[in-house]
Amino acid sequence: MDQLSSDPTVLASSVADMIDTTKVENQYMRKNVTFHEKLLAEDERISRMDLEYWIDYVYLFGVGDLIPLYDKVDPITFRNWDVYAIYWFIFLAAAYINYKIFRCIHSCCCKSSKTKVE
């Protein structure tokens, strides 16, 4: 996309080109803008979910279902401490398994041979 220049004469000619109604591109763009403008205006007029609707909804049904679950959460779950505890458990379990594997490999490979000299 072309950027407009800060030079006033270039800027003025660019804006004049955009406003020019004789160009085919501008006529097409204007037609699309008008179409979508009418479409949105019609949707807004037909819509039944206006302010009156929402006031009636709140009055009849309340807003208990719209309140987030964070209002009814204990501090451990709210701060995700349970998730962090699982992450730490997985990390420590993996570290322990790696320690055992490397210890086994070290004991098998690097063990000094004990032969009895007689």
PDB file of N, CA and C in Angstrom:
ATOM      1  N   MET A   1       0.848  -1.174   0.000  1.00  0.00           N
ATOM      2  CA  MET A   1       0.000   0.000   0.000  1.00  0.00           C
ATOM      3  C   MET A   1       0.892   1.234   0.000  1.00  0.00           C
ATOM      4  N   ASP A   2       0.558   2.188  -0.819  1.00  0.00           N
ATOM      5  CA  ASP A   2       1.353   3.407  -0.917  1.00  0.00           C
ATOM      6  C   ASP A   2       1.129   4.274   0.312  1.00  0.00           C
ATOM      7  N   GLN A   3       2.202   4.899   0.759  1.00  0.00           N
ATOM      8  CA  GLN A   3       2.083   5.825   1.874  1.00  0.00           C
ATOM      9  C   GLN A   3       2.013   7.237   1.323  1.00  0.00           C
ATOM     10  N   LEU A   4       1.225   8.082   1.987  1.00  0.00           N
ATOM     11  CA  LEU A   4       1.081   9.460   1.551  1.00  0.00           C
ATOM     12  C   LEU A   4       2.315  10.253   1.943  1.00  0.00           C
ATOM     13  N   SER A   5       2.701  11.155   1.087  1.00  0.00           N
ATOM     14  CA  SER A   5       3.870  11.993   1.324  1.00  0.00           C
ATOM     15  C   SER A   5       3.505  13.131   2.262  1.00  0.00           C
ATOM     16  N   SER A   6       4.540  13.693   2.905  1.00  0.00           N
ATOM     17  CA  SER A   6       4.292  14.839   3.775  1.00  0.00           C
ATOM     18  C   SER A   6       4.321  16.149   2.992  1.00  0.00           C
ATOM     19  N   ASP A   7       4.691  16.094   1.729  1.00  0.00           N
ATOM     20  CA  ASP A   7       4.698  17.282   0.872  1.00  0.00           C
ATOM     21  C   ASP A   7       3.245  17.677   0.581  1.00  0.00           C
ATOM     22  N   PRO A   8       2.859  18.909   0.860  1.00  0.00           N
ATOM     23  CA  PRO A   8       1.451  19.315   0.704  1.00  0.00           C
ATOM     24  C   PRO A   8       0.909  19.162  -0.716  1.00  0.00           C
ATOM     25  N   THR A   9       1.709  19.422  -1.714  1.00  0.00           N
ATOM     26  CA  THR A   9       1.193  19.327  -3.085  1.00  0.00           C
ATOM     27  C   THR A   9       0.963  17.874  -3.478  1.00  0.00           C
ATOM     28  N   VAL A  10       1.885  16.998  -3.080  1.00  0.00           N
ATOM     29  CA  VAL A  10       1.712  15.576  -3.382  1.00  0.00           C
ATOM     30  C   VAL A  10       0.524  15.016  -2.608  1.00  0.00           C
ATOM     31  N   LEU A  11       0.403  15.435  -1.359  1.00  0.00           N
ATOM     32  CA  LEU A  11      -0.714  14.995  -0.527  1.00  0.00           C
ATOM     33  C   LEU A  11      -2.042  15.454  -1.115  1.00  0.00           C
ATOM     34  N   ALA A  12      -2.113  16.667  -1.550  1.00  0.00           N
ATOM     35  CA  ALA A  12      -3.344  17.199  -2.130  1.00  0.00           C
ATOM     36  C   ALA A  12      -3.712  16.459  -3.413  1.00  0.00           C
ATOM     37  N   SER A  13      -2.723  16.179  -4.250  1.00  0.00           N
ATOM     38  CA  SER A  13      -3.039  15.458  -5.489  1.00  0.00           C
ATOM     39  C   SER A  13      -3.460  14.018  -5.199  1.00  0.00           C
ATOM     40  N   SER A  14      -2.873  13.393  -4.170  1.00  0.00           N
ATOM     41  CA  SER A  14      -3.255  12.022  -3.814  1.00  0.00           C
ATOM     42  C   SER A  14      -4.685  11.971  -3.297  1.00  0.00           C
ATOM     43  N   VAL A  15      -5.043  12.924  -2.436  1.00  0.00           N
ATOM     44  CA  VAL A  15      -6.407  12.969  -1.903  1.00  0.00           C
ATOM     45  C   VAL A  15      -7.392  13.268  -3.026  1.00  0.00           C
ATOM     46  N   ALA A  16      -7.027  14.144  -3.945  1.00  0.00           N
ATOM     47  CA  ALA A  16      -7.901  14.466  -5.076  1.00  0.00           C
ATOM     48  C   ALA A  16      -8.120  13.230  -5.944  1.00  0.00           C
ATOM     49  N   ASP A  17      -7.082  12.409  -6.127  1.00  0.00           N
ATOM     50  CA  ASP A  17      -7.237  11.174  -6.896  1.00  0.00           C
ATOM     51  C   ASP A  17      -8.194  10.208  -6.202  1.00  0.00           C
ATOM     52  N   MET A  18      -8.146  10.171  -4.856  1.00  0.00           N
ATOM     53  CA  MET A  18      -9.030   9.262  -4.124  1.00  0.00           C
ATOM     54  C   MET A  18     -10.484   9.716  -4.190  1.00  0.00           C
ATOM     55  N   ILE A  19     -10.702  11.020  -4.242  1.00  0.00           N
ATOM     56  CA  ILE A  19     -12.062  11.562  -4.242  1.00  0.00           C
ATOM     57  C   ILE A  19     -12.668  11.568  -5.640  1.00  0.00           C
ATOM     58  N   ASP A  20     -11.857  11.532  -6.651  1.00  0.00           N
ATOM     59  CA  ASP A  20     -12.320  11.628  -8.044  1.00  0.00           C
ATOM     60  C   ASP A  20     -13.338  10.529  -8.331  1.00  0.00           C
ATOM     61  N   THR A  21     -14.568  10.921  -8.704  1.00  0.00           N
ATOM     62  CA  THR A  21     -15.640   9.956  -8.939  1.00  0.00           C
ATOM     63  C   THR A  21     -15.653   9.413 -10.363  1.00  0.00           C
ATOM     64  N   THR A  22     -14.802   9.944 -11.224  1.00  0.00           N
ATOM     65  CA  THR A  22     -14.791   9.457 -12.606  1.00  0.00           C
ATOM     66  C   THR A  22     -13.962   8.191 -12.767  1.00  0.00           C
ATOM     67  N   LYS A  23     -13.103   7.910 -11.809  1.00  0.00           N
ATOM     68  CA  LYS A  23     -12.278   6.704 -11.911  1.00  0.00           C
ATOM     69  C   LYS A  23     -13.106   5.476 -11.586  1.00  0.00           C
ATOM     70  N   VAL A  24     -12.847   4.407 -12.306  1.00  0.00           N
ATOM     71  CA  VAL A  24     -13.609   3.162 -12.144  1.00  0.00           C
ATOM     72  C   VAL A  24     -13.397   2.567 -10.767  1.00  0.00           C
ATOM     73  N   GLU A  25     -12.145   2.583 -10.264  1.00  0.00           N
ATOM     74  CA  GLU A  25     -11.853   1.992  -8.949  1.00  0.00           C
ATOM     75  C   GLU A  25     -12.624   2.707  -7.844  1.00  0.00           C
ATOM     76  N   ASN A  26     -12.671   4.035  -7.920  1.00  0.00           N
ATOM     77  CA  ASN A  26     -13.378   4.811  -6.901  1.00  0.00           C
ATOM     78  C   ASN A  26     -14.888   4.579  -6.975  1.00  0.00           C
ATOM     79  N   GLN A  27     -15.437   4.448  -8.183  1.00  0.00           N
ATOM     80  CA  GLN A  27     -16.864   4.153  -8.318  1.00  0.00           C
ATOM     81  C   GLN A  27     -17.185   2.775  -7.708  1.00  0.00           C
ATOM     82  N   TYR A  28     -16.316   1.812  -7.957  1.00  0.00           N
ATOM     83  CA  TYR A  28     -16.517   0.462  -7.417  1.00  0.00           C
ATOM     84  C   TYR A  28     -16.444   0.487  -5.892  1.00  0.00           C
ATOM     85  N   MET A  29     -15.447   1.211  -5.364  1.00  0.00           N
ATOM     86  CA  MET A  29     -15.298   1.303  -3.913  1.00  0.00           C
ATOM     87  C   MET A  29     -16.503   2.004  -3.295  1.00  0.00           C
ATOM     88  N   ARG A  30     -16.953   3.086  -3.905  1.00  0.00           N
ATOM     89  CA  ARG A  30     -18.111   3.823  -3.388  1.00  0.00           C
ATOM     90  C   ARG A  30     -19.365   2.942  -3.393  1.00  0.00           C
ATOM     91  N   LYS A  31     -19.515   2.130  -4.448  1.00  0.00           N
ATOM     92  CA  LYS A  31     -20.667   1.219  -4.543  1.00  0.00           C
ATOM     93  C   LYS A  31     -20.612   0.181  -3.407  1.00  0.00           C
ATOM     94  N   ASN A  32     -19.432  -0.372  -3.138  1.00  0.00           N
ATOM     95  CA  ASN A  32     -19.292  -1.350  -2.053  1.00  0.00           C
ATOM     96  C   ASN A  32     -19.539  -0.737  -0.684  1.00  0.00           C
ATOM     97  N   VAL A  33     -19.028   0.459  -0.475  1.00  0.00           N
ATOM     98  CA  VAL A  33     -19.231   1.136   0.813  1.00  0.00           C
ATOM     99  C   VAL A  33     -20.715   1.413   1.029  1.00  0.00           C
ATOM    100  N   THR A  34     -21.398   1.891   0.014  1.00  0.00           N
ATOM    101  CA  THR A  34     -22.833   2.165   0.124  1.00  0.00           C
ATOM    102  C   THR A  34     -23.614   0.884   0.410  1.00  0.00           C
ATOM    103  N   PHE A  35     -23.253  -0.214  -0.269  1.00  0.00           N
ATOM    104  CA  PHE A  35     -23.933  -1.489  -0.046  1.00  0.00           C
ATOM    105  C   PHE A  35     -23.778  -1.946   1.400  1.00  0.00           C
ATOM    106  N   HIS A  36     -22.552  -1.926   1.902  1.00  0.00           N
ATOM    107  CA  HIS A  36     -22.328  -2.385   3.273  1.00  0.00           C
ATOM    108  C   HIS A  36     -22.936  -1.429   4.301  1.00  0.00           C
ATOM    109  N   GLU A  37     -22.977  -0.156   3.985  1.00  0.00           N
ATOM    110  CA  GLU A  37     -23.615   0.809   4.882  1.00  0.00           C
ATOM    111  C   GLU A  37     -25.104   0.497   5.033  1.00  0.00           C
ATOM    112  N   LYS A  38     -25.780   0.226   3.911  1.00  0.00           N
ATOM    113  CA  LYS A  38     -27.205  -0.114   3.952  1.00  0.00           C
ATOM    114  C   LYS A  38     -27.436  -1.438   4.670  1.00  0.00           C
ATOM    115  N   LEU A  39     -26.553  -2.394   4.435  1.00  0.00           N
ATOM    116  CA  LEU A  39     -26.676  -3.704   5.075  1.00  0.00           C
ATOM    117  C   LEU A  39     -26.555  -3.593   6.585  1.00  0.00           C
ATOM    118  N   LEU A  40     -25.577  -2.844   7.069  1.00  0.00           N
ATOM    119  CA  LEU A  40     -25.397  -2.670   8.515  1.00  0.00           C
ATOM    120  C   LEU A  40     -26.541  -1.888   9.136  1.00  0.00           C
ATOM    121  N   ALA A  41     -27.023  -0.877   8.436  1.00  0.00           N
ATOM    122  CA  ALA A  41     -28.144  -0.095   8.960  1.00  0.00           C
ATOM    123  C   ALA A  41     -29.391  -0.965   9.083  1.00  0.00           C
ATOM    124  N   GLU A  42     -29.623  -1.841   8.099  1.00  0.00           N
ATOM    125  CA  GLU A  42     -30.773  -2.735   8.140  1.00  0.00           C
ATOM    126  C   GLU A  42     -30.652  -3.732   9.289  1.00  0.00           C
ATOM    127  N   ASP A  43     -29.454  -4.303   9.492  1.00  0.00           N
ATOM    128  CA  ASP A  43     -29.252  -5.246  10.591  1.00  0.00           C
ATOM    129  C   ASP A  43     -29.484  -4.571  11.939  1.00  0.00           C
ATOM    130  N   GLU A  44     -29.032  -3.352  12.074  1.00  0.00           N
ATOM    131  CA  GLU A  44     -29.199  -2.626  13.320  1.00  0.00           C
ATOM    132  C   GLU A  44     -30.670  -2.330  13.584  1.00  0.00           C
ATOM    133  N   ARG A  45     -31.419  -2.030  12.536  1.00  0.00           N
ATOM    134  CA  ARG A  45     -32.835  -1.720  12.673  1.00  0.00           C
ATOM    135  C   ARG A  45     -33.642  -2.965  13.020  1.00  0.00           C
ATOM    136  N   ILE A  46     -33.281  -4.109  12.437  1.00  0.00           N
ATOM    137  CA  ILE A  46     -34.026  -5.345  12.651  1.00  0.00           C
ATOM    138  C   ILE A  46     -33.678  -6.010  13.980  1.00  0.00           C
ATOM    139  N   SER A  47     -32.492  -5.771  14.482  1.00  0.00           N
ATOM    140  CA  SER A  47     -32.012  -6.453  15.685  1.00  0.00           C
ATOM    141  C   SER A  47     -32.955  -6.234  16.858  1.00  0.00           C
ATOM    142  N   ARG A  48     -33.226  -7.313  17.577  1.00  0.00           N
ATOM    143  CA  ARG A  48     -34.125  -7.236  18.721  1.00  0.00           C
ATOM    144  C   ARG A  48     -33.354  -7.185  20.034  1.00  0.00           C
ATOM    145  N   MET A  49     -32.031  -7.283  19.983  1.00  0.00           N
ATOM    146  CA  MET A  49     -31.228  -7.316  21.202  1.00  0.00           C
ATOM    147  C   MET A  49     -30.718  -5.913  21.512  1.00  0.00           C
ATOM    148  N   ASP A  50     -31.647  -5.006  21.819  1.00  0.00           N
ATOM    149  CA  ASP A  50     -31.270  -3.654  22.151  1.00  0.00           C
ATOM    150  C   ASP A  50     -31.204  -3.502  23.668  1.00  0.00           C
ATOM    151  N   LEU A  51     -31.092  -2.298  24.138  1.00  0.00           N
ATOM    152  CA  LEU A  51     -30.963  -2.054  25.571  1.00  0.00           C
ATOM    153  C   LEU A  51     -32.178  -2.550  26.341  1.00  0.00           C
ATOM    154  N   GLU A  52     -33.346  -2.365  25.771  1.00  0.00           N
ATOM    155  CA  GLU A  52     -34.565  -2.838  26.426  1.00  0.00           C
ATOM    156  C   GLU A  52     -34.542  -4.349  26.622  1.00  0.00           C
ATOM    157  N   TYR A  53     -34.073  -5.069  25.610  1.00  0.00           N
ATOM    158  CA  TYR A  53     -33.971  -6.526  25.677  1.00  0.00           C
ATOM    159  C   TYR A  53     -33.064  -6.946  26.837  1.00  0.00           C
ATOM    160  N   TRP A  54     -31.899  -6.318  26.949  1.00  0.00           N
ATOM    161  CA  TRP A  54     -30.950  -6.727  27.986  1.00  0.00           C
ATOM    162  C   TRP A  54     -31.434  -6.349  29.378  1.00  0.00           C
ATOM    163  N   ILE A  55     -32.145  -5.232  29.502  1.00  0.00           N
ATOM    164  CA  ILE A  55     -32.713  -4.880  30.816  1.00  0.00           C
ATOM    165  C   ILE A  55     -33.752  -5.915  31.218  1.00  0.00           C
ATOM    166  N   ASP A  56     -34.617  -6.311  30.307  1.00  0.00           N
ATOM    167  CA  ASP A  56     -35.608  -7.350  30.593  1.00  0.00           C
ATOM    168  C   ASP A  56     -34.932  -8.684  30.914  1.00  0.00           C
ATOM    169  N   TYR A  57     -33.891  -9.024  30.186  1.00  0.00           N
ATOM    170  CA  TYR A  57     -33.184 -10.285  30.414  1.00  0.00           C
ATOM    171  C   TYR A  57     -32.601 -10.329  31.827  1.00  0.00           C
ATOM    172  N   VAL A  58     -31.935  -9.260  32.227  1.00  0.00           N
ATOM    173  CA  VAL A  58     -31.332  -9.215  33.563  1.00  0.00           C
ATOM    174  C   VAL A  58     -32.423  -9.266  34.624  1.00  0.00           C
ATOM    175  N   TYR A  59     -33.528  -8.574  34.395  1.00  0.00           N
ATOM    176  CA  TYR A  59     -34.615  -8.566  35.369  1.00  0.00           C
ATOM    177  C   TYR A  59     -35.247  -9.949  35.507  1.00  0.00           C
ATOM    178  N   LEU A  60     -35.464 -10.637  34.386  1.00  0.00           N
ATOM    179  CA  LEU A  60     -36.145 -11.927  34.423  1.00  0.00           C
ATOM    180  C   LEU A  60     -35.232 -13.082  34.846  1.00  0.00           C
ATOM    181  N   PHE A  61     -34.032 -13.123  34.315  1.00  0.00           N
ATOM    182  CA  PHE A  61     -33.181 -14.299  34.514  1.00  0.00           C
ATOM    183  C   PHE A  61     -31.997 -14.048  35.432  1.00  0.00           C
ATOM    184  N   GLY A  62     -31.686 -12.830  35.739  1.00  0.00           N
ATOM    185  CA  GLY A  62     -30.522 -12.534  36.566  1.00  0.00           C
ATOM    186  C   GLY A  62     -29.242 -12.642  35.751  1.00  0.00           C
ATOM    187  N   VAL A  63     -28.128 -12.449  36.426  1.00  0.00           N
ATOM    188  CA  VAL A  63     -26.852 -12.495  35.732  1.00  0.00           C
ATOM    189  C   VAL A  63     -25.912 -13.518  36.355  1.00  0.00           C
ATOM    190  N   GLY A  64     -26.454 -14.455  37.085  1.00  0.00           N
ATOM    191  CA  GLY A  64     -25.622 -15.475  37.733  1.00  0.00           C
ATOM    192  C   GLY A  64     -24.828 -16.298  36.746  1.00  0.00           C
ATOM    193  N   ASP A  65     -25.389 -16.555  35.580  1.00  0.00           N
ATOM    194  CA  ASP A  65     -24.675 -17.351  34.583  1.00  0.00           C
ATOM    195  C   ASP A  65     -23.603 -16.545  33.872  1.00  0.00           C
ATOM    196  N   LEU A  66     -23.650 -15.226  33.981  1.00  0.00           N
ATOM    197  CA  LEU A  66     -22.659 -14.390  33.321  1.00  0.00           C
ATOM    198  C   LEU A  66     -21.470 -14.052  34.221  1.00  0.00           C
ATOM    199  N   ILE A  67     -21.573 -14.387  35.519  1.00  0.00           N
ATOM    200  CA  ILE A  67     -20.483 -14.109  36.449  1.00  0.00           C
ATOM    201  C   ILE A  67     -19.385 -15.137  36.220  1.00  0.00           C
ATOM    202  N   PRO A  68     -18.146 -14.706  36.098  1.00  0.00           N
ATOM    203  CA  PRO A  68     -17.058 -15.655  35.840  1.00  0.00           C
ATOM    204  C   PRO A  68     -16.834 -16.593  37.019  1.00  0.00           C
ATOM    205  N   LEU A  69     -16.255 -17.727  36.717  1.00  0.00           N
ATOM    206  CA  LEU A  69     -16.013 -18.737  37.741  1.00  0.00           C
ATOM    207  C   LEU A  69     -14.945 -18.312  38.734  1.00  0.00           C
ATOM    208  N   TYR A  70     -14.175 -17.285  38.430  1.00  0.00           N
ATOM    209  CA  TYR A  70     -13.126 -16.851  39.340  1.00  0.00           C
ATOM    210  C   TYR A  70     -13.683 -16.326  40.657  1.00  0.00           C
ATOM    211  N   ASP A  71     -14.961 -15.982  40.690  1.00  0.00           N
ATOM    212  CA  ASP A  71     -15.551 -15.521  41.939  1.00  0.00           C
ATOM    213  C   ASP A  71     -15.740 -16.658  42.932  1.00  0.00           C
ATOM    214  N   LYS A  72     -15.763 -17.883  42.447  1.00  0.00           N
ATOM    215  CA  LYS A  72     -16.022 -19.036  43.306  1.00  0.00           C
ATOM    216  C   LYS A  72     -14.837 -19.993  43.355  1.00  0.00           C
ATOM    217  N   VAL A  73     -13.627 -19.467  43.240  1.00  0.00           N
ATOM    218  CA  VAL A  73     -12.441 -20.305  43.165  1.00  0.00           C
ATOM    219  C   VAL A  73     -11.600 -20.100  44.415  1.00  0.00           C
ATOM    220  N   ASP A  74     -11.056 -21.211  44.948  1.00  0.00           N
ATOM    221  CA  ASP A  74     -10.171 -21.104  46.102  1.00  0.00           C
ATOM    222  C   ASP A  74      -8.820 -20.519  45.673  1.00  0.00           C
ATOM    223  N   PRO A  75      -8.030 -20.016  46.619  1.00  0.00           N
ATOM    224  CA  PRO A  75      -6.761 -19.344  46.259  1.00  0.00           C
ATOM    225  C   PRO A  75      -5.760 -20.239  45.543  1.00  0.00           C
ATOM    226  N   ILE A  76      -5.739 -21.517  45.858  1.00  0.00           N
ATOM    227  CA  ILE A  76      -4.778 -22.422  45.223  1.00  0.00           C
ATOM    228  C   ILE A  76      -5.077 -22.550  43.730  1.00  0.00           C
ATOM    229  N   THR A  77      -6.315 -22.752  43.395  1.00  0.00           N
ATOM    230  CA  THR A  77      -6.688 -22.870  41.989  1.00  0.00           C
ATOM    231  C   THR A  77      -6.608 -21.523  41.286  1.00  0.00           C
ATOM    232  N   PHE A  78      -6.977 -20.446  41.979  1.00  0.00           N
ATOM    233  CA  PHE A  78      -6.952 -19.115  41.370  1.00  0.00           C
ATOM    234  C   PHE A  78      -5.545 -18.724  40.936  1.00  0.00           C
ATOM    235  N   ARG A  79      -4.551 -19.089  41.730  1.00  0.00           N
ATOM    236  CA  ARG A  79      -3.163 -18.727  41.414  1.00  0.00           C
ATOM    237  C   ARG A  79      -2.424 -19.833  40.673  1.00  0.00           C
ATOM    238  N   ASN A  80      -3.134 -20.888  40.288  1.00  0.00           N
ATOM    239  CA  ASN A  80      -2.572 -22.000  39.517  1.00  0.00           C
ATOM    240  C   ASN A  80      -1.469 -22.746  40.256  1.00  0.00           C
ATOM    241  N   TRP A  81      -1.522 -22.758  41.578  1.00  0.00           N
ATOM    242  CA  TRP A  81      -0.500 -23.476  42.334  1.00  0.00           C
ATOM    243  C   TRP A  81      -0.584 -24.971  42.091  1.00  0.00           C
ATOM    244  N   ASP A  82      -1.774 -25.485  41.838  1.00  0.00           N
ATOM    245  CA  ASP A  82      -1.910 -26.907  41.556  1.00  0.00           C
ATOM    246  C   ASP A  82      -1.208 -27.270  40.247  1.00  0.00           C
ATOM    247  N   VAL A  83      -1.287 -26.395  39.255  1.00  0.00           N
ATOM    248  CA  VAL A  83      -0.617 -26.646  37.974  1.00  0.00           C
ATOM    249  C   VAL A  83       0.892 -26.586  38.158  1.00  0.00           C
ATOM    250  N   TYR A  84       1.369 -25.591  38.915  1.00  0.00           N
ATOM    251  CA  TYR A  84       2.810 -25.494  39.158  1.00  0.00           C
ATOM    252  C   TYR A  84       3.320 -26.703  39.925  1.00  0.00           C
ATOM    253  N   ALA A  85       2.520 -27.208  40.861  1.00  0.00           N
ATOM    254  CA  ALA A  85       2.928 -28.397  41.620  1.00  0.00           C
ATOM    255  C   ALA A  85       3.070 -29.600  40.693  1.00  0.00           C
ATOM    256  N   ILE A  86       2.176 -29.757  39.736  1.00  0.00           N
ATOM    257  CA  ILE A  86       2.278 -30.866  38.778  1.00  0.00           C
ATOM    258  C   ILE A  86       3.517 -30.695  37.910  1.00  0.00           C
ATOM    259  N   TYR A  87       3.789 -29.470  37.464  1.00  0.00           N
ATOM    260  CA  TYR A  87       4.996 -29.218  36.662  1.00  0.00           C
ATOM    261  C   TYR A  87       6.255 -29.575  37.443  1.00  0.00           C
ATOM    262  N   TRP A  88       6.322 -29.163  38.714  1.00  0.00           N
ATOM    263  CA  TRP A  88       7.485 -29.484  39.536  1.00  0.00           C
ATOM    264  C   TRP A  88       7.609 -30.986  39.753  1.00  0.00           C
ATOM    265  N   PHE A  89       6.475 -31.658  39.960  1.00  0.00           N
ATOM    266  CA  PHE A  89       6.514 -33.115  40.147  1.00  0.00           C
ATOM    267  C   PHE A  89       7.052 -33.800  38.896  1.00  0.00           C
ATOM    268  N   ILE A  90       6.577 -33.376  37.727  1.00  0.00           N
ATOM    269  CA  ILE A  90       7.058 -33.969  36.466  1.00  0.00           C
ATOM    270  C   ILE A  90       8.548 -33.684  36.280  1.00  0.00           C
ATOM    271  N   PHE A  91       8.976 -32.447  36.566  1.00  0.00           N
ATOM    272  CA  PHE A  91      10.387 -32.098  36.437  1.00  0.00           C
ATOM    273  C   PHE A  91      11.254 -32.925  37.368  1.00  0.00           C
ATOM    274  N   LEU A  92      10.855 -33.048  38.628  1.00  0.00           N
ATOM    275  CA  LEU A  92      11.645 -33.810  39.595  1.00  0.00           C
ATOM    276  C   LEU A  92      11.644 -35.298  39.271  1.00  0.00           C
ATOM    277  N   ALA A  93      10.524 -35.814  38.780  1.00  0.00           N
ATOM    278  CA  ALA A  93      10.478 -37.231  38.392  1.00  0.00           C
ATOM    279  C   ALA A  93      11.416 -37.491  37.216  1.00  0.00           C
ATOM    280  N   ALA A  94      11.418 -36.594  36.229  1.00  0.00           N
ATOM    281  CA  ALA A  94      12.325 -36.756  35.086  1.00  0.00           C
ATOM    282  C   ALA A  94      13.783 -36.634  35.534  1.00  0.00           C
ATOM    283  N   ALA A  95      14.075 -35.700  36.434  1.00  0.00           N
ATOM    284  CA  ALA A  95      15.445 -35.551  36.941  1.00  0.00           C
ATOM    285  C   ALA A  95      15.871 -36.793  37.705  1.00  0.00           C
ATOM    286  N   TYR A  96      14.986 -37.360  38.514  1.00  0.00           N
ATOM    287  CA  TYR A  96      15.312 -38.566  39.279  1.00  0.00           C
ATOM    288  C   TYR A  96      15.565 -39.752  38.347  1.00  0.00           C
ATOM    289  N   ILE A  97      14.738 -39.892  37.320  1.00  0.00           N
ATOM    290  CA  ILE A  97      14.933 -40.998  36.362  1.00  0.00           C
ATOM    291  C   ILE A  97      16.265 -40.822  35.627  1.00  0.00           C
ATOM    292  N   ASN A  98      16.583 -39.605  35.215  1.00  0.00           N
ATOM    293  CA  ASN A  98      17.869 -39.355  34.559  1.00  0.00           C
ATOM    294  C   ASN A  98      19.033 -39.645  35.499  1.00  0.00           C
ATOM    295  N   TYR A  99      18.911 -39.270  36.752  1.00  0.00           N
ATOM    296  CA  TYR A  99      19.958 -39.539  37.741  1.00  0.00           C
ATOM    297  C   TYR A  99      20.195 -41.041  37.877  1.00  0.00           C
ATOM    298  N   LYS A 100      19.110 -41.794  37.976  1.00  0.00           N
ATOM    299  CA  LYS A 100      19.249 -43.259  38.111  1.00  0.00           C
ATOM    300  C   LYS A 100      19.885 -43.869  36.862  1.00  0.00           C
ATOM    301  N   ILE A 101      19.487 -43.403  35.686  1.00  0.00           N
ATOM    302  CA  ILE A 101      20.047 -43.950  34.441  1.00  0.00           C
ATOM    303  C   ILE A 101      21.539 -43.638  34.353  1.00  0.00           C
ATOM    304  N   PHE A 102      21.924 -42.387  34.604  1.00  0.00           N
ATOM    305  CA  PHE A 102      23.341 -42.021  34.528  1.00  0.00           C
ATOM    306  C   PHE A 102      24.162 -42.708  35.609  1.00  0.00           C
ATOM    307  N   ARG A 103      23.593 -42.911  36.773  1.00  0.00           N
ATOM    308  CA  ARG A 103      24.295 -43.623  37.849  1.00  0.00           C
ATOM    309  C   ARG A 103      24.531 -45.076  37.466  1.00  0.00           C
ATOM    310  N   CYS A 104      23.521 -45.689  36.837  1.00  0.00           N
ATOM    311  CA  CYS A 104      23.658 -47.078  36.386  1.00  0.00           C
ATOM    312  C   CYS A 104      24.724 -47.171  35.289  1.00  0.00           C
ATOM    313  N   ILE A 105      24.677 -46.251  34.339  1.00  0.00           N
ATOM    314  CA  ILE A 105      25.672 -46.257  33.258  1.00  0.00           C
ATOM    315  C   ILE A 105      27.071 -46.027  33.831  1.00  0.00           C
ATOM    316  N   HIS A 106      27.185 -45.111  34.760  1.00  0.00           N
ATOM    317  CA  HIS A 106      28.489 -44.818  35.371  1.00  0.00           C
ATOM    318  C   HIS A 106      29.000 -46.010  36.146  1.00  0.00           C
ATOM    319  N   SER A 107      28.121 -46.675  36.860  1.00  0.00           N
ATOM    320  CA  SER A 107      28.584 -47.824  37.653  1.00  0.00           C
ATOM    321  C   SER A 107      28.970 -49.007  36.763  1.00  0.00           C
ATOM    322  N   CYS A 108      28.314 -49.126  35.618  1.00  0.00           N
ATOM    323  CA  CYS A 108      28.635 -50.234  34.709  1.00  0.00           C
ATOM    324  C   CYS A 108      29.910 -49.955  33.914  1.00  0.00           C
ATOM    325  N   CYS A 109      30.068 -48.769  33.438  1.00  0.00           N
ATOM    326  CA  CYS A 109      31.169 -48.442  32.537  1.00  0.00           C
ATOM    327  C   CYS A 109      32.435 -48.007  33.271  1.00  0.00           C
ATOM    328  N   CYS A 110      32.289 -47.255  34.281  1.00  0.00           N
ATOM    329  CA  CYS A 110      33.447 -46.626  34.910  1.00  0.00           C
ATOM    330  C   CYS A 110      33.876 -47.317  36.198  1.00  0.00           C
ATOM    331  N   LYS A 111      33.372 -48.464  36.434  1.00  0.00           N
ATOM    332  CA  LYS A 111      33.707 -49.194  37.644  1.00  0.00           C
ATOM    333  C   LYS A 111      35.142 -49.702  37.515  1.00  0.00           C
ATOM    334  N   SER A 112      35.902 -49.495  38.565  1.00  0.00           N
ATOM    335  CA  SER A 112      37.260 -50.023  38.524  1.00  0.00           C
ATOM    336  C   SER A 112      37.197 -51.533  38.703  1.00  0.00           C
ATOM    337  N   SER A 113      38.012 -52.201  37.942  1.00  0.00           N
ATOM    338  CA  SER A 113      37.987 -53.657  38.030  1.00  0.00           C
ATOM    339  C   SER A 113      38.764 -54.101  39.268  1.00  0.00           C
ATOM    340  N   LYS A 114      38.107 -54.899  40.042  1.00  0.00           N
ATOM    341  CA  LYS A 114      38.728 -55.403  41.264  1.00  0.00           C
ATOM    342  C   LYS A 114      39.128 -56.847  41.031  1.00  0.00           C
ATOM    343  N   THR A 115      40.367 -57.015  40.740  1.00  0.00           N
ATOM    344  CA  THR A 115      40.855 -58.373  40.571  1.00  0.00           C
ATOM    345  C   THR A 115      41.815 -58.670  41.706  1.00  0.00           C
ATOM    346  N   LYS A 116      41.730 -59.841  42.151  1.00  0.00           N
ATOM    347  CA  LYS A 116      42.584 -60.245  43.269  1.00  0.00           C
ATOM    348  C   LYS A 116      43.948 -60.652  42.721  1.00  0.00           C
ATOM    349  N   VAL A 117      44.909 -60.068  43.298  1.00  0.00           N
ATOM    350  CA  VAL A 117      46.275 -60.428  42.906  1.00  0.00           C
ATOM    351  C   VAL A 117      46.774 -61.416  43.950  1.00  0.00           C
ATOM    352  N   GLU A 118      47.205 -62.570  43.495  1.00  0.00           N
ATOM    353  CA  GLU A 118      47.673 -63.580  44.420  1.00  0.00           C
ATOM    354  C   GLU A 118      49.119 -63.812  44.287  1.00  0.00           C
TER     355      GLU A 118
END
